[in-house]
Amino acid sequence: MPGVGPRATRPTATQLDDVAYTLCVATATTEIDDALVAADRILAQTASPALSRP
């Protein structure tokens, strides 16, 4: 993924911080790892049955 990692540009780093903050707010969490787990849980609960079949 371009712009990620130690060579990320300042605007990219700011965008990633903004996304992490927004995800934490949306999932009522304070840590990005917890926010990702919560988001996965929400997506799994709301997934269409047709999409969740193998």
PDB file of N, CA and C in Angstrom:
ATOM      1  N   MET A   1       0.847  -1.165   0.000  1.00  0.00           N
ATOM      2  CA  MET A   1       0.000   0.000   0.000  1.00  0.00           C
ATOM      3  C   MET A   1       0.894   1.228   0.000  1.00  0.00           C
ATOM      4  N   PRO A   2       0.811   2.064  -1.010  1.00  0.00           N
ATOM      5  CA  PRO A   2       1.683   3.228  -1.064  1.00  0.00           C
ATOM      6  C   PRO A   2       1.385   4.208   0.064  1.00  0.00           C
ATOM      7  N   GLY A   3       2.425   4.838   0.548  1.00  0.00           N
ATOM      8  CA  GLY A   3       2.250   5.862   1.570  1.00  0.00           C
ATOM      9  C   GLY A   3       2.093   5.342   2.980  1.00  0.00           C
ATOM     10  N   VAL A   4       2.292   4.040   3.183  1.00  0.00           N
ATOM     11  CA  VAL A   4       2.154   3.468   4.514  1.00  0.00           C
ATOM     12  C   VAL A   4       3.531   3.017   4.984  1.00  0.00           C
ATOM     13  N   GLY A   5       3.803   3.201   6.243  1.00  0.00           N
ATOM     14  CA  GLY A   5       5.081   2.772   6.792  1.00  0.00           C
ATOM     15  C   GLY A   5       5.975   3.957   7.091  1.00  0.00           C
ATOM     16  N   PRO A   6       7.252   3.680   7.294  1.00  0.00           N
ATOM     17  CA  PRO A   6       8.156   4.745   7.714  1.00  0.00           C
ATOM     18  C   PRO A   6       8.307   5.861   6.694  1.00  0.00           C
ATOM     19  N   ARG A   7       8.035   5.571   5.429  1.00  0.00           N
ATOM     20  CA  ARG A   7       8.171   6.603   4.392  1.00  0.00           C
ATOM     21  C   ARG A   7       6.856   7.310   4.087  1.00  0.00           C
ATOM     22  N   ALA A   8       5.844   7.100   4.876  1.00  0.00           N
ATOM     23  CA  ALA A   8       4.543   7.736   4.643  1.00  0.00           C
ATOM     24  C   ALA A   8       4.701   9.253   4.655  1.00  0.00           C
ATOM     25  N   THR A   9       4.017   9.879   3.741  1.00  0.00           N
ATOM     26  CA  THR A   9       4.058  11.341   3.701  1.00  0.00           C
ATOM     27  C   THR A   9       3.236  11.904   4.848  1.00  0.00           C
ATOM     28  N   ARG A  10       3.477  13.130   5.189  1.00  0.00           N
ATOM     29  CA  ARG A  10       2.740  13.745   6.297  1.00  0.00           C
ATOM     30  C   ARG A  10       1.237  13.734   6.049  1.00  0.00           C
ATOM     31  N   PRO A  11       0.775  14.110   4.850  1.00  0.00           N
ATOM     32  CA  PRO A  11      -0.682  14.049   4.630  1.00  0.00           C
ATOM     33  C   PRO A  11      -1.241  12.638   4.790  1.00  0.00           C
ATOM     34  N   THR A  12      -0.502  11.632   4.359  1.00  0.00           N
ATOM     35  CA  THR A  12      -0.968  10.253   4.497  1.00  0.00           C
ATOM     36  C   THR A  12      -1.028   9.854   5.962  1.00  0.00           C
ATOM     37  N   ALA A  13      -0.013  10.215   6.725  1.00  0.00           N
ATOM     38  CA  ALA A  13      -0.011   9.899   8.153  1.00  0.00           C
ATOM     39  C   ALA A  13      -1.181  10.571   8.855  1.00  0.00           C
ATOM     40  N   THR A  14      -1.473  11.799   8.477  1.00  0.00           N
ATOM     41  CA  THR A  14      -2.597  12.524   9.062  1.00  0.00           C
ATOM     42  C   THR A  14      -3.914  11.848   8.694  1.00  0.00           C
ATOM     43  N   GLN A  15      -4.029  11.403   7.459  1.00  0.00           N
ATOM     44  CA  GLN A  15      -5.242  10.714   7.021  1.00  0.00           C
ATOM     45  C   GLN A  15      -5.426   9.408   7.791  1.00  0.00           C
ATOM     46  N   LEU A  16      -4.351   8.676   7.990  1.00  0.00           N
ATOM     47  CA  LEU A  16      -4.449   7.428   8.754  1.00  0.00           C
ATOM     48  C   LEU A  16      -4.856   7.699  10.194  1.00  0.00           C
ATOM     49  N   ASP A  17      -4.309   8.750  10.790  1.00  0.00           N
ATOM     50  CA  ASP A  17      -4.718   9.134  12.145  1.00  0.00           C
ATOM     51  C   ASP A  17      -6.197   9.491  12.186  1.00  0.00           C
ATOM     52  N   ASP A  18      -6.659  10.216  11.166  1.00  0.00           N
ATOM     53  CA  ASP A  18      -8.070  10.598  11.103  1.00  0.00           C
ATOM     54  C   ASP A  18      -8.978   9.371  10.984  1.00  0.00           C
ATOM     55  N   VAL A  19      -8.573   8.413  10.165  1.00  0.00           N
ATOM     56  CA  VAL A  19      -9.363   7.188   9.995  1.00  0.00           C
ATOM     57  C   VAL A  19      -9.397   6.398  11.295  1.00  0.00           C
ATOM     58  N   ALA A  20      -8.252   6.276  11.947  1.00  0.00           N
ATOM     59  CA  ALA A  20      -8.196   5.547  13.218  1.00  0.00           C
ATOM     60  C   ALA A  20      -9.082   6.220  14.260  1.00  0.00           C
ATOM     61  N   TYR A  21      -9.014   7.538  14.340  1.00  0.00           N
ATOM     62  CA  TYR A  21      -9.842   8.283  15.303  1.00  0.00           C
ATOM     63  C   TYR A  21     -11.326   8.069  15.004  1.00  0.00           C
ATOM     64  N   THR A  22     -11.697   8.190  13.739  1.00  0.00           N
ATOM     65  CA  THR A  22     -13.104   8.042  13.350  1.00  0.00           C
ATOM     66  C   THR A  22     -13.609   6.638  13.653  1.00  0.00           C
ATOM     67  N   LEU A  23     -12.795   5.624  13.389  1.00  0.00           N
ATOM     68  CA  LEU A  23     -13.201   4.257  13.679  1.00  0.00           C
ATOM     69  C   LEU A  23     -13.373   4.050  15.179  1.00  0.00           C
ATOM     70  N   CYS A  24     -12.479   4.630  15.971  1.00  0.00           N
ATOM     71  CA  CYS A  24     -12.614   4.522  17.428  1.00  0.00           C
ATOM     72  C   CYS A  24     -13.903   5.195  17.911  1.00  0.00           C
ATOM     73  N   VAL A  25     -14.194   6.355  17.377  1.00  0.00           N
ATOM     74  CA  VAL A  25     -15.422   7.062  17.771  1.00  0.00           C
ATOM     75  C   VAL A  25     -16.646   6.247  17.357  1.00  0.00           C
ATOM     76  N   ALA A  26     -16.627   5.736  16.137  1.00  0.00           N
ATOM     77  CA  ALA A  26     -17.783   5.000  15.619  1.00  0.00           C
ATOM     78  C   ALA A  26     -18.041   3.703  16.374  1.00  0.00           C
ATOM     79  N   THR A  27     -16.983   3.125  16.934  1.00  0.00           N
ATOM     80  CA  THR A  27     -17.135   1.850  17.643  1.00  0.00           C
ATOM     81  C   THR A  27     -17.085   2.010  19.161  1.00  0.00           C
ATOM     82  N   ALA A  28     -17.032   3.251  19.624  1.00  0.00           N
ATOM     83  CA  ALA A  28     -16.994   3.557  21.062  1.00  0.00           C
ATOM     84  C   ALA A  28     -15.814   2.874  21.763  1.00  0.00           C
ATOM     85  N   THR A  29     -14.652   2.924  21.124  1.00  0.00           N
ATOM     86  CA  THR A  29     -13.438   2.351  21.696  1.00  0.00           C
ATOM     87  C   THR A  29     -12.367   3.441  21.775  1.00  0.00           C
ATOM     88  N   THR A  30     -11.264   3.126  22.445  1.00  0.00           N
ATOM     89  CA  THR A  30     -10.183   4.113  22.555  1.00  0.00           C
ATOM     90  C   THR A  30      -8.875   3.625  21.937  1.00  0.00           C
ATOM     91  N   GLU A  31      -8.813   2.363  21.572  1.00  0.00           N
ATOM     92  CA  GLU A  31      -7.612   1.801  20.948  1.00  0.00           C
ATOM     93  C   GLU A  31      -7.970   1.261  19.567  1.00  0.00           C
ATOM     94  N   ILE A  32      -7.087   1.470  18.597  1.00  0.00           N
ATOM     95  CA  ILE A  32      -7.392   1.049  17.232  1.00  0.00           C
ATOM     96  C   ILE A  32      -7.574  -0.462  17.117  1.00  0.00           C
ATOM     97  N   ASP A  33      -6.797  -1.241  17.873  1.00  0.00           N
ATOM     98  CA  ASP A  33      -6.975  -2.699  17.824  1.00  0.00           C
ATOM     99  C   ASP A  33      -8.374  -3.097  18.287  1.00  0.00           C
ATOM    100  N   ASP A  34      -8.856  -2.459  19.347  1.00  0.00           N
ATOM    101  CA  ASP A  34     -10.211  -2.736  19.842  1.00  0.00           C
ATOM    102  C   ASP A  34     -11.252  -2.274  18.818  1.00  0.00           C
ATOM    103  N   ALA A  35     -10.984  -1.152  18.176  1.00  0.00           N
ATOM    104  CA  ALA A  35     -11.911  -0.629  17.168  1.00  0.00           C
ATOM    105  C   ALA A  35     -12.019  -1.583  15.984  1.00  0.00           C
ATOM    106  N   LEU A  36     -10.903  -2.156  15.569  1.00  0.00           N
ATOM    107  CA  LEU A  36     -10.932  -3.106  14.453  1.00  0.00           C
ATOM    108  C   LEU A  36     -11.719  -4.364  14.807  1.00  0.00           C
ATOM    109  N   VAL A  37     -11.539  -4.857  16.021  1.00  0.00           N
ATOM    110  CA  VAL A  37     -12.292  -6.034  16.471  1.00  0.00           C
ATOM    111  C   VAL A  37     -13.784  -5.710  16.500  1.00  0.00           C
ATOM    112  N   ALA A  38     -14.127  -4.554  17.042  1.00  0.00           N
ATOM    113  CA  ALA A  38     -15.535  -4.148  17.120  1.00  0.00           C
ATOM    114  C   ALA A  38     -16.129  -3.971  15.724  1.00  0.00           C
ATOM    115  N   ALA A  39     -15.384  -3.371  14.823  1.00  0.00           N
ATOM    116  CA  ALA A  39     -15.869  -3.170  13.458  1.00  0.00           C
ATOM    117  C   ALA A  39     -16.072  -4.513  12.760  1.00  0.00           C
ATOM    118  N   ASP A  40     -15.144  -5.444  12.946  1.00  0.00           N
ATOM    119  CA  ASP A  40     -15.316  -6.787  12.370  1.00  0.00           C
ATOM    120  C   ASP A  40     -16.579  -7.449  12.898  1.00  0.00           C
ATOM    121  N   ARG A  41     -16.825  -7.300  14.197  1.00  0.00           N
ATOM    122  CA  ARG A  41     -18.020  -7.893  14.807  1.00  0.00           C
ATOM    123  C   ARG A  41     -19.288  -7.274  14.214  1.00  0.00           C
ATOM    124  N   ILE A  42     -19.296  -5.962  14.078  1.00  0.00           N
ATOM    125  CA  ILE A  42     -20.460  -5.269  13.511  1.00  0.00           C
ATOM    126  C   ILE A  42     -20.689  -5.712  12.072  1.00  0.00           C
ATOM    127  N   LEU A  43     -19.632  -5.778  11.301  1.00  0.00           N
ATOM    128  CA  LEU A  43     -19.775  -6.198   9.905  1.00  0.00           C
ATOM    129  C   LEU A  43     -20.272  -7.634   9.802  1.00  0.00           C
ATOM    130  N   ALA A  44     -19.789  -8.509  10.657  1.00  0.00           N
ATOM    131  CA  ALA A  44     -20.232  -9.903  10.629  1.00  0.00           C
ATOM    132  C   ALA A  44     -21.711 -10.020  10.984  1.00  0.00           C
ATOM    133  N   GLN A  45     -22.171  -9.193  11.921  1.00  0.00           N
ATOM    134  CA  GLN A  45     -23.573  -9.237  12.340  1.00  0.00           C
ATOM    135  C   GLN A  45     -24.507  -8.690  11.280  1.00  0.00           C
ATOM    136  N   THR A  46     -24.020  -7.767  10.475  1.00  0.00           N
ATOM    137  CA  THR A  46     -24.893  -7.108   9.501  1.00  0.00           C
ATOM    138  C   THR A  46     -24.714  -7.644   8.091  1.00  0.00           C
ATOM    139  N   ALA A  47     -23.808  -8.609   7.917  1.00  0.00           N
ATOM    140  CA  ALA A  47     -23.562  -9.148   6.594  1.00  0.00           C
ATOM    141  C   ALA A  47     -24.795  -9.878   6.068  1.00  0.00           C
ATOM    142  N   SER A  48     -25.004  -9.737   4.795  1.00  0.00           N
ATOM    143  CA  SER A  48     -26.101 -10.441   4.147  1.00  0.00           C
ATOM    144  C   SER A  48     -25.842 -11.939   4.222  1.00  0.00           C
ATOM    145  N   PRO A  49     -26.862 -12.744   4.527  1.00  0.00           N
ATOM    146  CA  PRO A  49     -26.679 -14.200   4.560  1.00  0.00           C
ATOM    147  C   PRO A  49     -26.123 -14.742   3.246  1.00  0.00           C
ATOM    148  N   ALA A  50     -26.506 -14.157   2.147  1.00  0.00           N
ATOM    149  CA  ALA A  50     -26.009 -14.608   0.838  1.00  0.00           C
ATOM    150  C   ALA A  50     -24.520 -14.346   0.708  1.00  0.00           C
ATOM    151  N   LEU A  51     -24.029 -13.285   1.311  1.00  0.00           N
ATOM    152  CA  LEU A  51     -22.609 -12.952   1.213  1.00  0.00           C
ATOM    153  C   LEU A  51     -21.757 -13.753   2.181  1.00  0.00           C
ATOM    154  N   SER A  52     -22.346 -14.264   3.245  1.00  0.00           N
ATOM    155  CA  SER A  52     -21.553 -14.973   4.253  1.00  0.00           C
ATOM    156  C   SER A  52     -21.419 -16.466   3.971  1.00  0.00           C
ATOM    157  N   ARG A  53     -22.073 -16.952   2.925  1.00  0.00           N
ATOM    158  CA  ARG A  53     -21.936 -18.375   2.572  1.00  0.00           C
ATOM    159  C   ARG A  53     -20.630 -18.585   1.824  1.00  0.00           C
ATOM    160  N   PRO A  54     -19.996 -19.745   2.022  1.00  0.00           N
ATOM    161  CA  PRO A  54     -18.732 -20.022   1.304  1.00  0.00           C
ATOM    162  C   PRO A  54     -18.929 -20.215  -0.170  1.00  0.00           C
TER     163      PRO A  54
END
